Amino acid sequence: FYEAMRGLSGAAQDQWPHYLTLREAANLADGYAKQAAIDAWINEA
């Protein structure tokens, strides 16, 4: 929802780069840290 309609979300301009950082961290994480990174990414979205 957020990625498809982020232009309508009303979020601050600097929020999107932070979201991309969390998404990249979730994709790169492995082991026990991966689930925590995914949860942080989803909660941010």
All heavy atoms as atom14 arrays in JSON, in Angstrom:
{
  "sequence": "FYEAMRGLSGAAQDQWPHYLTLREAANLADGYAKQAAIDAWINEA",
  "atom14_mask": [
    [1, 1, 1, 1, 1, 1, 1, 1, 1, 1, 1, 0, 0, 0],
    [1, 1, 1, 1, 1, 1, 1, 1, 1, 1, 1, 1, 0, 0],
    [1, 1, 1, 1, 1, 1, 1, 1, 1, 0, 0, 0, 0, 0],
    [1, 1, 1, 1, 1, 0, 0, 0, 0, 0, 0, 0, 0, 0],
    [1, 1, 1, 1, 1, 1, 1, 1, 0, 0, 0, 0, 0, 0],
    [1, 1, 1, 1, 1, 1, 1, 1, 1, 1, 1, 0, 0, 0],
    [1, 1, 1, 1, 0, 0, 0, 0, 0, 0, 0, 0, 0, 0],
    [1, 1, 1, 1, 1, 1, 1, 1, 0, 0, 0, 0, 0, 0],
    [1, 1, 1, 1, 1, 1, 0, 0, 0, 0, 0, 0, 0, 0],
    [1, 1, 1, 1, 0, 0, 0, 0, 0, 0, 0, 0, 0, 0],
    [1, 1, 1, 1, 1, 0, 0, 0, 0, 0, 0, 0, 0, 0],
    [1, 1, 1, 1, 1, 0, 0, 0, 0, 0, 0, 0, 0, 0],
    [1, 1, 1, 1, 1, 1, 1, 1, 1, 0, 0, 0, 0, 0],
    [1, 1, 1, 1, 1, 1, 1, 1, 0, 0, 0, 0, 0, 0],
    [1, 1, 1, 1, 1, 1, 1, 1, 1, 0, 0, 0, 0, 0],
    [1, 1, 1, 1, 1, 1, 1, 1, 1, 1, 1, 1, 1, 1],
    [1, 1, 1, 1, 1, 1, 1, 0, 0, 0, 0, 0, 0, 0],
    [1, 1, 1, 1, 1, 1, 1, 1, 1, 1, 0, 0, 0, 0],
    [1, 1, 1, 1, 1, 1, 1, 1, 1, 1, 1, 1, 0, 0],
    [1, 1, 1, 1, 1, 1, 1, 1, 0, 0, 0, 0, 0, 0],
    [1, 1, 1, 1, 1, 1, 1, 0, 0, 0, 0, 0, 0, 0],
    [1, 1, 1, 1, 1, 1, 1, 1, 0, 0, 0, 0, 0, 0],
    [1, 1, 1, 1, 1, 1, 1, 1, 1, 1, 1, 0, 0, 0],
    [1, 1, 1, 1, 1, 1, 1, 1, 1, 0, 0, 0, 0, 0],
    [1, 1, 1, 1, 1, 0, 0, 0, 0, 0, 0, 0, 0, 0],
    [1, 1, 1, 1, 1, 0, 0, 0, 0, 0, 0, 0, 0, 0],
    [1, 1, 1, 1, 1, 1, 1, 1, 0, 0, 0, 0, 0, 0],
    [1, 1, 1, 1, 1, 1, 1, 1, 0, 0, 0, 0, 0, 0],
    [1, 1, 1, 1, 1, 0, 0, 0, 0, 0, 0, 0, 0, 0],
    [1, 1, 1, 1, 1, 1, 1, 1, 0, 0, 0, 0, 0, 0],
    [1, 1, 1, 1, 0, 0, 0, 0, 0, 0, 0, 0, 0, 0],
    [1, 1, 1, 1, 1, 1, 1, 1, 1, 1, 1, 1, 0, 0],
    [1, 1, 1, 1, 1, 0, 0, 0, 0, 0, 0, 0, 0, 0],
    [1, 1, 1, 1, 1, 1, 1, 1, 1, 0, 0, 0, 0, 0],
    [1, 1, 1, 1, 1, 1, 1, 1, 1, 0, 0, 0, 0, 0],
    [1, 1, 1, 1, 1, 0, 0, 0, 0, 0, 0, 0, 0, 0],
    [1, 1, 1, 1, 1, 0, 0, 0, 0, 0, 0, 0, 0, 0],
    [1, 1, 1, 1, 1, 1, 1, 1, 0, 0, 0, 0, 0, 0],
    [1, 1, 1, 1, 1, 1, 1, 1, 0, 0, 0, 0, 0, 0],
    [1, 1, 1, 1, 1, 0, 0, 0, 0, 0, 0, 0, 0, 0],
    [1, 1, 1, 1, 1, 1, 1, 1, 1, 1, 1, 1, 1, 1],
    [1, 1, 1, 1, 1, 1, 1, 1, 0, 0, 0, 0, 0, 0],
    [1, 1, 1, 1, 1, 1, 1, 1, 0, 0, 0, 0, 0, 0],
    [1, 1, 1, 1, 1, 1, 1, 1, 1, 0, 0, 0, 0, 0],
    [1, 1, 1, 1, 1, 0, 0, 0, 0, 0, 0, 0, 0, 0]
  ],
  "atom14_positions": [
    [[0.83, -1.2, 0.0], [0.0, 0.0, 0.0], [0.87, 1.26, 0.0], [0.64, 2.18, -0.79], [-0.91, -0.01, 1.23], [-1.91, 1.1, 1.26], [-3.2, 0.9, 0.78], [-1.6, 2.36, 1.77], [-4.14, 1.93, 0.8], [-2.53, 3.38, 1.79], [-3.8, 3.16, 1.31], [0.0, 0.0, 0.0], [0.0, 0.0, 0.0], [0.0, 0.0, 0.0]],
    [[1.86, 1.28, 0.87], [2.68, 2.49, 0.99], [3.53, 2.7, -0.26], [3.64, 3.83, -0.77], [3.57, 2.39, 2.22], [4.52, 3.55, 2.37], [4.03, 4.85, 2.47], [5.9, 3.36, 2.4], [4.89, 5.93, 2.6], [6.76, 4.44, 2.53], [6.25, 5.72, 2.63], [7.09, 6.78, 2.74], [0.0, 0.0, 0.0], [0.0, 0.0, 0.0]],
    [[4.12, 1.65, -0.78], [4.98, 1.81, -1.95], [4.18, 2.21, -3.19], [4.68, 2.94, -4.04], [5.76, 0.51, -2.2], [6.8, 0.23, -1.12], [7.67, -0.98, -1.46], [7.45, -1.58, -2.54], [8.57, -1.31, -0.66], [0.0, 0.0, 0.0], [0.0, 0.0, 0.0], [0.0, 0.0, 0.0], [0.0, 0.0, 0.0], [0.0, 0.0, 0.0]],
    [[2.95, 1.75, -3.29], [2.14, 2.09, -4.46], [1.54, 3.49, -4.36], [1.31, 4.13, -5.39], [1.02, 1.06, -4.63], [0.0, 0.0, 0.0], [0.0, 0.0, 0.0], [0.0, 0.0, 0.0], [0.0, 0.0, 0.0], [0.0, 0.0, 0.0], [0.0, 0.0, 0.0], [0.0, 0.0, 0.0], [0.0, 0.0, 0.0], [0.0, 0.0, 0.0]],
    [[1.32, 3.97, -3.13], [0.61, 5.23, -2.95], [1.33, 6.19, -2.01], [0.69, 6.98, -1.32], [-0.81, 4.95, -2.41], [-1.6, 3.99, -3.24], [-3.28, 3.73, -2.62], [-3.85, 2.45, -3.73], [0.0, 0.0, 0.0], [0.0, 0.0, 0.0], [0.0, 0.0, 0.0], [0.0, 0.0, 0.0], [0.0, 0.0, 0.0], [0.0, 0.0, 0.0]],
    [[2.65, 6.13, -2.0], [3.38, 6.96, -1.06], [3.2, 8.45, -1.36], [3.31, 9.28, -0.47], [4.87, 6.61, -1.07], [5.61, 6.92, -2.35], [7.05, 6.44, -2.27], [7.81, 6.74, -3.46], [8.48, 7.87, -3.65], [8.48, 8.81, -2.71], [9.17, 8.08, -4.76], [0.0, 0.0, 0.0], [0.0, 0.0, 0.0], [0.0, 0.0, 0.0]],
    [[2.87, 8.79, -2.61], [2.64, 10.19, -2.95], [1.41, 10.76, -2.28], [1.28, 11.98, -2.15], [0.0, 0.0, 0.0], [0.0, 0.0, 0.0], [0.0, 0.0, 0.0], [0.0, 0.0, 0.0], [0.0, 0.0, 0.0], [0.0, 0.0, 0.0], [0.0, 0.0, 0.0], [0.0, 0.0, 0.0], [0.0, 0.0, 0.0], [0.0, 0.0, 0.0]],
    [[0.51, 9.89, -1.85], [-0.72, 10.33, -1.18], [-0.65, 10.22, 0.33], [-1.6, 10.56, 1.02], [-1.91, 9.49, -1.69], [-2.17, 9.5, -3.19], [-3.3, 8.53, -3.53], [-2.51, 10.9, -3.67], [0.0, 0.0, 0.0], [0.0, 0.0, 0.0], [0.0, 0.0, 0.0], [0.0, 0.0, 0.0], [0.0, 0.0, 0.0], [0.0, 0.0, 0.0]],
    [[0.46, 9.72, 0.86], [0.53, 9.42, 2.29], [0.64, 10.66, 3.16], [0.29, 10.61, 4.34], [1.72, 8.5, 2.57], [2.94, 9.19, 2.33], [0.0, 0.0, 0.0], [0.0, 0.0, 0.0], [0.0, 0.0, 0.0], [0.0, 0.0, 0.0], [0.0, 0.0, 0.0], [0.0, 0.0, 0.0], [0.0, 0.0, 0.0], [0.0, 0.0, 0.0]],
    [[1.15, 11.74, 2.62], [1.35, 12.94, 3.42], [2.57, 12.89, 4.32], [2.74, 13.75, 5.19], [0.0, 0.0, 0.0], [0.0, 0.0, 0.0], [0.0, 0.0, 0.0], [0.0, 0.0, 0.0], [0.0, 0.0, 0.0], [0.0, 0.0, 0.0], [0.0, 0.0, 0.0], [0.0, 0.0, 0.0], [0.0, 0.0, 0.0], [0.0, 0.0, 0.0]],
    [[3.43, 11.88, 4.13], [4.64, 11.75, 4.94], [5.67, 12.79, 4.54], [5.65, 13.33, 3.42], [5.23, 10.35, 4.78], [0.0, 0.0, 0.0], [0.0, 0.0, 0.0], [0.0, 0.0, 0.0], [0.0, 0.0, 0.0], [0.0, 0.0, 0.0], [0.0, 0.0, 0.0], [0.0, 0.0, 0.0], [0.0, 0.0, 0.0], [0.0, 0.0, 0.0]],
    [[6.6, 13.08, 5.46], [7.66, 14.04, 5.19], [8.58, 13.52, 4.08], [8.67, 12.32, 3.83], [8.46, 14.3, 6.45], [0.0, 0.0, 0.0], [0.0, 0.0, 0.0], [0.0, 0.0, 0.0], [0.0, 0.0, 0.0], [0.0, 0.0, 0.0], [0.0, 0.0, 0.0], [0.0, 0.0, 0.0], [0.0, 0.0, 0.0], [0.0, 0.0, 0.0]],
    [[9.25, 14.45, 3.41], [10.1, 14.09, 2.28], [11.25, 13.17, 2.69], [11.65, 12.29, 1.93], [10.66, 15.36, 1.63], [9.61, 16.22, 0.97], [8.97, 15.55, -0.24], [9.61, 14.77, -0.94], [7.71, 15.86, -0.49], [0.0, 0.0, 0.0], [0.0, 0.0, 0.0], [0.0, 0.0, 0.0], [0.0, 0.0, 0.0], [0.0, 0.0, 0.0]],
    [[11.78, 13.37, 3.91], [12.92, 12.57, 4.34], [12.52, 11.19, 4.86], [13.37, 10.4, 5.24], [13.72, 13.31, 5.42], [12.86, 13.63, 6.64], [11.62, 13.47, 6.57], [13.43, 14.06, 7.66], [0.0, 0.0, 0.0], [0.0, 0.0, 0.0], [0.0, 0.0, 0.0], [0.0, 0.0, 0.0], [0.0, 0.0, 0.0], [0.0, 0.0, 0.0]],
    [[11.23, 10.89, 4.87], [10.79, 9.59, 5.38], [11.08, 8.48, 4.37], [11.42, 7.37, 4.76], [9.3, 9.63, 5.71], [8.78, 8.45, 6.53], [8.57, 7.21, 5.69], [8.13, 7.31, 4.55], [8.86, 6.05, 6.26], [0.0, 0.0, 0.0], [0.0, 0.0, 0.0], [0.0, 0.0, 0.0], [0.0, 0.0, 0.0], [0.0, 0.0, 0.0]],
    [[10.92, 8.77, 3.09], [11.11, 7.74, 2.07], [12.53, 7.18, 2.06], [12.69, 5.95, 2.01], [10.72, 8.3, 0.71], [10.9, 7.34, -0.43], [11.77, 7.46, -1.47], [10.2, 6.12, -0.64], [11.64, 6.39, -2.33], [10.69, 5.55, -1.85], [9.21, 5.44, 0.07], [10.21, 4.34, -2.35], [8.73, 4.23, -0.44], [9.23, 3.7, -1.63]],
    [[13.59, 8.01, 2.1], [14.94, 7.43, 2.17], [15.14, 6.54, 3.41], [15.81, 5.5, 3.33], [15.86, 8.65, 2.22], [15.07, 9.72, 1.55], [13.65, 9.47, 1.95], [0.0, 0.0, 0.0], [0.0, 0.0, 0.0], [0.0, 0.0, 0.0], [0.0, 0.0, 0.0], [0.0, 0.0, 0.0], [0.0, 0.0, 0.0], [0.0, 0.0, 0.0]],
    [[14.56, 6.95, 4.53], [14.67, 6.12, 5.74], [13.96, 4.79, 5.54], [14.46, 3.73, 5.96], [14.07, 6.87, 6.93], [14.07, 6.08, 8.21], [15.22, 5.63, 8.81], [13.03, 5.64, 8.99], [14.92, 4.97, 9.9], [13.59, 4.95, 10.03], [0.0, 0.0, 0.0], [0.0, 0.0, 0.0], [0.0, 0.0, 0.0], [0.0, 0.0, 0.0]],
    [[12.82, 4.81, 4.89], [12.1, 3.58, 4.6], [12.92, 2.67, 3.69], [12.98, 1.44, 3.91], [10.75, 3.91, 3.95], [10.03, 2.71, 3.38], [9.27, 1.88, 4.19], [10.13, 2.4, 2.02], [8.62, 0.78, 3.68], [9.49, 1.3, 1.5], [8.73, 0.49, 2.33], [8.09, -0.61, 1.82], [0.0, 0.0, 0.0], [0.0, 0.0, 0.0]],
    [[13.54, 3.24, 2.67], [14.37, 2.44, 1.76], [15.54, 1.8, 2.5], [15.94, 0.67, 2.19], [14.88, 3.32, 0.62], [13.82, 3.85, -0.36], [14.47, 4.72, -1.41], [13.07, 2.69, -1.01], [0.0, 0.0, 0.0], [0.0, 0.0, 0.0], [0.0, 0.0, 0.0], [0.0, 0.0, 0.0], [0.0, 0.0, 0.0], [0.0, 0.0, 0.0]],
    [[16.09, 2.52, 3.48], [17.18, 1.96, 4.27], [16.72, 0.74, 5.05], [17.41, -0.28, 5.11], [17.73, 3.03, 5.23], [18.2, 4.15, 4.48], [18.88, 2.46, 6.06], [0.0, 0.0, 0.0], [0.0, 0.0, 0.0], [0.0, 0.0, 0.0], [0.0, 0.0, 0.0], [0.0, 0.0, 0.0], [0.0, 0.0, 0.0], [0.0, 0.0, 0.0]],
    [[15.53, 0.84, 5.66], [14.99, -0.29, 6.41], [14.67, -1.46, 5.49], [14.88, -2.63, 5.85], [13.72, 0.14, 7.16], [13.93, 1.13, 8.31], [12.58, 1.52, 8.91], [14.83, 0.52, 9.39], [0.0, 0.0, 0.0], [0.0, 0.0, 0.0], [0.0, 0.0, 0.0], [0.0, 0.0, 0.0], [0.0, 0.0, 0.0], [0.0, 0.0, 0.0]],
    [[14.17, -1.17, 4.3], [13.86, -2.25, 3.36], [15.13, -2.97, 2.92], [15.17, -4.2, 2.83], [13.12, -1.68, 2.14], [12.64, -2.75, 1.17], [11.87, -2.16, 0.01], [12.73, -1.37, -0.87], [12.3, -0.81, -2.0], [11.03, -0.91, -2.36], [13.13, -0.11, -2.75], [0.0, 0.0, 0.0], [0.0, 0.0, 0.0], [0.0, 0.0, 0.0]],
    [[16.17, -2.19, 2.65], [17.44, -2.8, 2.24], [18.03, -3.63, 3.38], [18.56, -4.73, 3.16], [18.42, -1.72, 1.8], [19.74, -2.28, 1.29], [20.67, -1.18, 0.83], [20.29, 0.0, 0.91], [21.79, -1.52, 0.38], [0.0, 0.0, 0.0], [0.0, 0.0, 0.0], [0.0, 0.0, 0.0], [0.0, 0.0, 0.0], [0.0, 0.0, 0.0]],
    [[17.92, -3.12, 4.6], [18.44, -3.87, 5.75], [17.68, -5.18, 5.93], [18.28, -6.21, 6.26], [18.32, -3.01, 7.01], [0.0, 0.0, 0.0], [0.0, 0.0, 0.0], [0.0, 0.0, 0.0], [0.0, 0.0, 0.0], [0.0, 0.0, 0.0], [0.0, 0.0, 0.0], [0.0, 0.0, 0.0], [0.0, 0.0, 0.0], [0.0, 0.0, 0.0]],
    [[16.37, -5.16, 5.69], [15.58, -6.39, 5.82], [15.97, -7.4, 4.75], [15.99, -8.62, 5.0], [14.1, -6.06, 5.73], [0.0, 0.0, 0.0], [0.0, 0.0, 0.0], [0.0, 0.0, 0.0], [0.0, 0.0, 0.0], [0.0, 0.0, 0.0], [0.0, 0.0, 0.0], [0.0, 0.0, 0.0], [0.0, 0.0, 0.0], [0.0, 0.0, 0.0]],
    [[16.27, -6.92, 3.56], [16.64, -7.83, 2.47], [18.03, -8.41, 2.66], [18.3, -9.54, 2.23], [16.56, -7.1, 1.13], [15.13, -6.75, 0.75], [14.19, -7.46, 1.11], [14.95, -5.65, 0.03], [0.0, 0.0, 0.0], [0.0, 0.0, 0.0], [0.0, 0.0, 0.0], [0.0, 0.0, 0.0], [0.0, 0.0, 0.0], [0.0, 0.0, 0.0]],
    [[18.93, -7.65, 3.3], [20.32, -8.1, 3.47], [20.53, -8.9, 4.74], [21.52, -9.65, 4.84], [21.26, -6.89, 3.46], [21.32, -6.1, 2.15], [22.24, -4.89, 2.3], [21.8, -6.99, 1.0], [0.0, 0.0, 0.0], [0.0, 0.0, 0.0], [0.0, 0.0, 0.0], [0.0, 0.0, 0.0], [0.0, 0.0, 0.0], [0.0, 0.0, 0.0]],
    [[19.64, -8.73, 5.71], [19.83, -9.41, 6.99], [19.65, -10.92, 6.83], [18.96, -11.4, 5.94], [18.85, -8.87, 8.03], [0.0, 0.0, 0.0], [0.0, 0.0, 0.0], [0.0, 0.0, 0.0], [0.0, 0.0, 0.0], [0.0, 0.0, 0.0], [0.0, 0.0, 0.0], [0.0, 0.0, 0.0], [0.0, 0.0, 0.0], [0.0, 0.0, 0.0]],
    [[20.27, -11.65, 7.73], [20.1, -13.11, 7.75], [20.16, -13.6, 9.19], [20.46, -12.85, 10.12], [21.17, -13.79, 6.9], [22.59, -13.4, 7.32], [22.72, -12.75, 8.37], [23.54, -13.75, 6.6], [0.0, 0.0, 0.0], [0.0, 0.0, 0.0], [0.0, 0.0, 0.0], [0.0, 0.0, 0.0], [0.0, 0.0, 0.0], [0.0, 0.0, 0.0]],
    [[19.85, -14.84, 9.35], [19.89, -15.41, 10.69], [18.81, -14.85, 11.59], [17.7, -14.53, 11.16], [0.0, 0.0, 0.0], [0.0, 0.0, 0.0], [0.0, 0.0, 0.0], [0.0, 0.0, 0.0], [0.0, 0.0, 0.0], [0.0, 0.0, 0.0], [0.0, 0.0, 0.0], [0.0, 0.0, 0.0], [0.0, 0.0, 0.0], [0.0, 0.0, 0.0]],
    [[19.16, -14.71, 12.87], [18.2, -14.23, 13.85], [17.82, -12.76, 13.64], [16.75, -12.32, 14.06], [18.77, -14.41, 15.26], [18.96, -15.85, 15.65], [20.24, -16.41, 15.7], [17.87, -16.66, 15.95], [20.42, -17.75, 16.05], [18.05, -17.99, 16.31], [19.33, -18.53, 16.35], [19.5, -19.85, 16.69], [0.0, 0.0, 0.0], [0.0, 0.0, 0.0]],
    [[18.7, -12.0, 13.0], [18.44, -10.58, 12.83], [17.44, -10.3, 11.7], [16.89, -9.2, 11.63], [19.75, -9.85, 12.54], [0.0, 0.0, 0.0], [0.0, 0.0, 0.0], [0.0, 0.0, 0.0], [0.0, 0.0, 0.0], [0.0, 0.0, 0.0], [0.0, 0.0, 0.0], [0.0, 0.0, 0.0], [0.0, 0.0, 0.0], [0.0, 0.0, 0.0]],
    [[17.19, -11.27, 10.85], [16.36, -11.01, 9.68], [14.92, -10.71, 10.07], [14.31, -9.75, 9.56], [16.4, -12.2, 8.73], [15.67, -11.92, 7.41], [15.92, -13.0, 6.4], [15.31, -12.66, 5.05], [15.91, -11.45, 4.46], [0.0, 0.0, 0.0], [0.0, 0.0, 0.0], [0.0, 0.0, 0.0], [0.0, 0.0, 0.0], [0.0, 0.0, 0.0]],
    [[14.35, -11.49, 10.98], [12.96, -11.26, 11.36], [12.78, -9.91, 12.03], [11.79, -9.21, 11.79], [12.47, -12.38, 12.29], [10.98, -12.32, 12.59], [10.13, -12.39, 11.34], [10.31, -13.27, 10.49], [9.19, -11.46, 11.19], [0.0, 0.0, 0.0], [0.0, 0.0, 0.0], [0.0, 0.0, 0.0], [0.0, 0.0, 0.0], [0.0, 0.0, 0.0]],
    [[13.73, -9.51, 12.88], [13.66, -8.2, 13.52], [13.74, -7.08, 12.49], [13.02, -6.07, 12.59], [14.78, -8.06, 14.55], [0.0, 0.0, 0.0], [0.0, 0.0, 0.0], [0.0, 0.0, 0.0], [0.0, 0.0, 0.0], [0.0, 0.0, 0.0], [0.0, 0.0, 0.0], [0.0, 0.0, 0.0], [0.0, 0.0, 0.0], [0.0, 0.0, 0.0]],
    [[14.6, -7.25, 11.47], [14.72, -6.24, 10.42], [13.44, -6.16, 9.59], [12.99, -5.07, 9.22], [15.91, -6.57, 9.53], [0.0, 0.0, 0.0], [0.0, 0.0, 0.0], [0.0, 0.0, 0.0], [0.0, 0.0, 0.0], [0.0, 0.0, 0.0], [0.0, 0.0, 0.0], [0.0, 0.0, 0.0], [0.0, 0.0, 0.0], [0.0, 0.0, 0.0]],
    [[12.83, -7.31, 9.31], [11.58, -7.32, 8.55], [10.46, -6.64, 9.34], [9.67, -5.86, 8.79], [11.19, -8.77, 8.18], [12.18, -9.34, 7.17], [9.77, -8.82, 7.64], [11.94, -10.79, 6.83], [0.0, 0.0, 0.0], [0.0, 0.0, 0.0], [0.0, 0.0, 0.0], [0.0, 0.0, 0.0], [0.0, 0.0, 0.0], [0.0, 0.0, 0.0]],
    [[10.4, -6.93, 10.64], [9.37, -6.31, 11.48], [9.53, -4.79, 11.52], [8.54, -4.05, 11.46], [9.44, -6.87, 12.9], [9.0, -8.32, 12.96], [8.32, -8.78, 12.02], [9.35, -9.02, 13.94], [0.0, 0.0, 0.0], [0.0, 0.0, 0.0], [0.0, 0.0, 0.0], [0.0, 0.0, 0.0], [0.0, 0.0, 0.0], [0.0, 0.0, 0.0]],
    [[10.78, -4.32, 11.62], [11.02, -2.88, 11.62], [10.61, -2.25, 10.3], [10.05, -1.15, 10.27], [12.5, -2.61, 11.91], [0.0, 0.0, 0.0], [0.0, 0.0, 0.0], [0.0, 0.0, 0.0], [0.0, 0.0, 0.0], [0.0, 0.0, 0.0], [0.0, 0.0, 0.0], [0.0, 0.0, 0.0], [0.0, 0.0, 0.0], [0.0, 0.0, 0.0]],
    [[10.89, -2.94, 9.21], [10.52, -2.45, 7.87], [9.0, -2.37, 7.73], [8.46, -1.35, 7.3], [11.12, -3.41, 6.84], [10.67, -3.19, 5.43], [10.36, -2.0, 4.83], [10.49, -4.21, 4.44], [10.0, -2.21, 3.52], [10.06, -3.55, 3.26], [10.66, -5.59, 4.43], [9.8, -4.26, 2.08], [10.4, -6.29, 3.27], [9.97, -5.63, 2.11]],
    [[8.29, -3.42, 8.15], [6.83, -3.44, 8.02], [6.18, -2.41, 8.93], [5.23, -1.71, 8.54], [6.29, -4.86, 8.33], [6.76, -5.84, 7.25], [4.77, -4.85, 8.43], [6.37, -7.27, 7.51], [0.0, 0.0, 0.0], [0.0, 0.0, 0.0], [0.0, 0.0, 0.0], [0.0, 0.0, 0.0], [0.0, 0.0, 0.0], [0.0, 0.0, 0.0]],
    [[6.69, -2.29, 10.15], [6.12, -1.3, 11.07], [6.31, 0.13, 10.57], [5.44, 0.99, 10.75], [6.76, -1.45, 12.45], [6.31, -2.71, 13.17], [5.22, -3.21, 12.92], [7.15, -3.23, 14.05], [0.0, 0.0, 0.0], [0.0, 0.0, 0.0], [0.0, 0.0, 0.0], [0.0, 0.0, 0.0], [0.0, 0.0, 0.0], [0.0, 0.0, 0.0]],
    [[7.44, 0.38, 9.92], [7.67, 1.7, 9.34], [6.68, 1.96, 8.21], [6.13, 3.06, 8.1], [9.1, 1.79, 8.82], [9.5, 3.15, 8.28], [9.67, 4.19, 9.37], [9.64, 3.81, 10.57], [9.85, 5.38, 9.04], [0.0, 0.0, 0.0], [0.0, 0.0, 0.0], [0.0, 0.0, 0.0], [0.0, 0.0, 0.0], [0.0, 0.0, 0.0]],
    [[6.44, 0.95, 7.37], [5.47, 1.1, 6.3], [4.07, 1.3, 6.86], [3.29, 2.11, 6.35], [5.5, -0.13, 5.39], [0.0, 0.0, 0.0], [0.0, 0.0, 0.0], [0.0, 0.0, 0.0], [0.0, 0.0, 0.0], [0.0, 0.0, 0.0], [0.0, 0.0, 0.0], [0.0, 0.0, 0.0], [0.0, 0.0, 0.0], [0.0, 0.0, 0.0]]
  ]
}
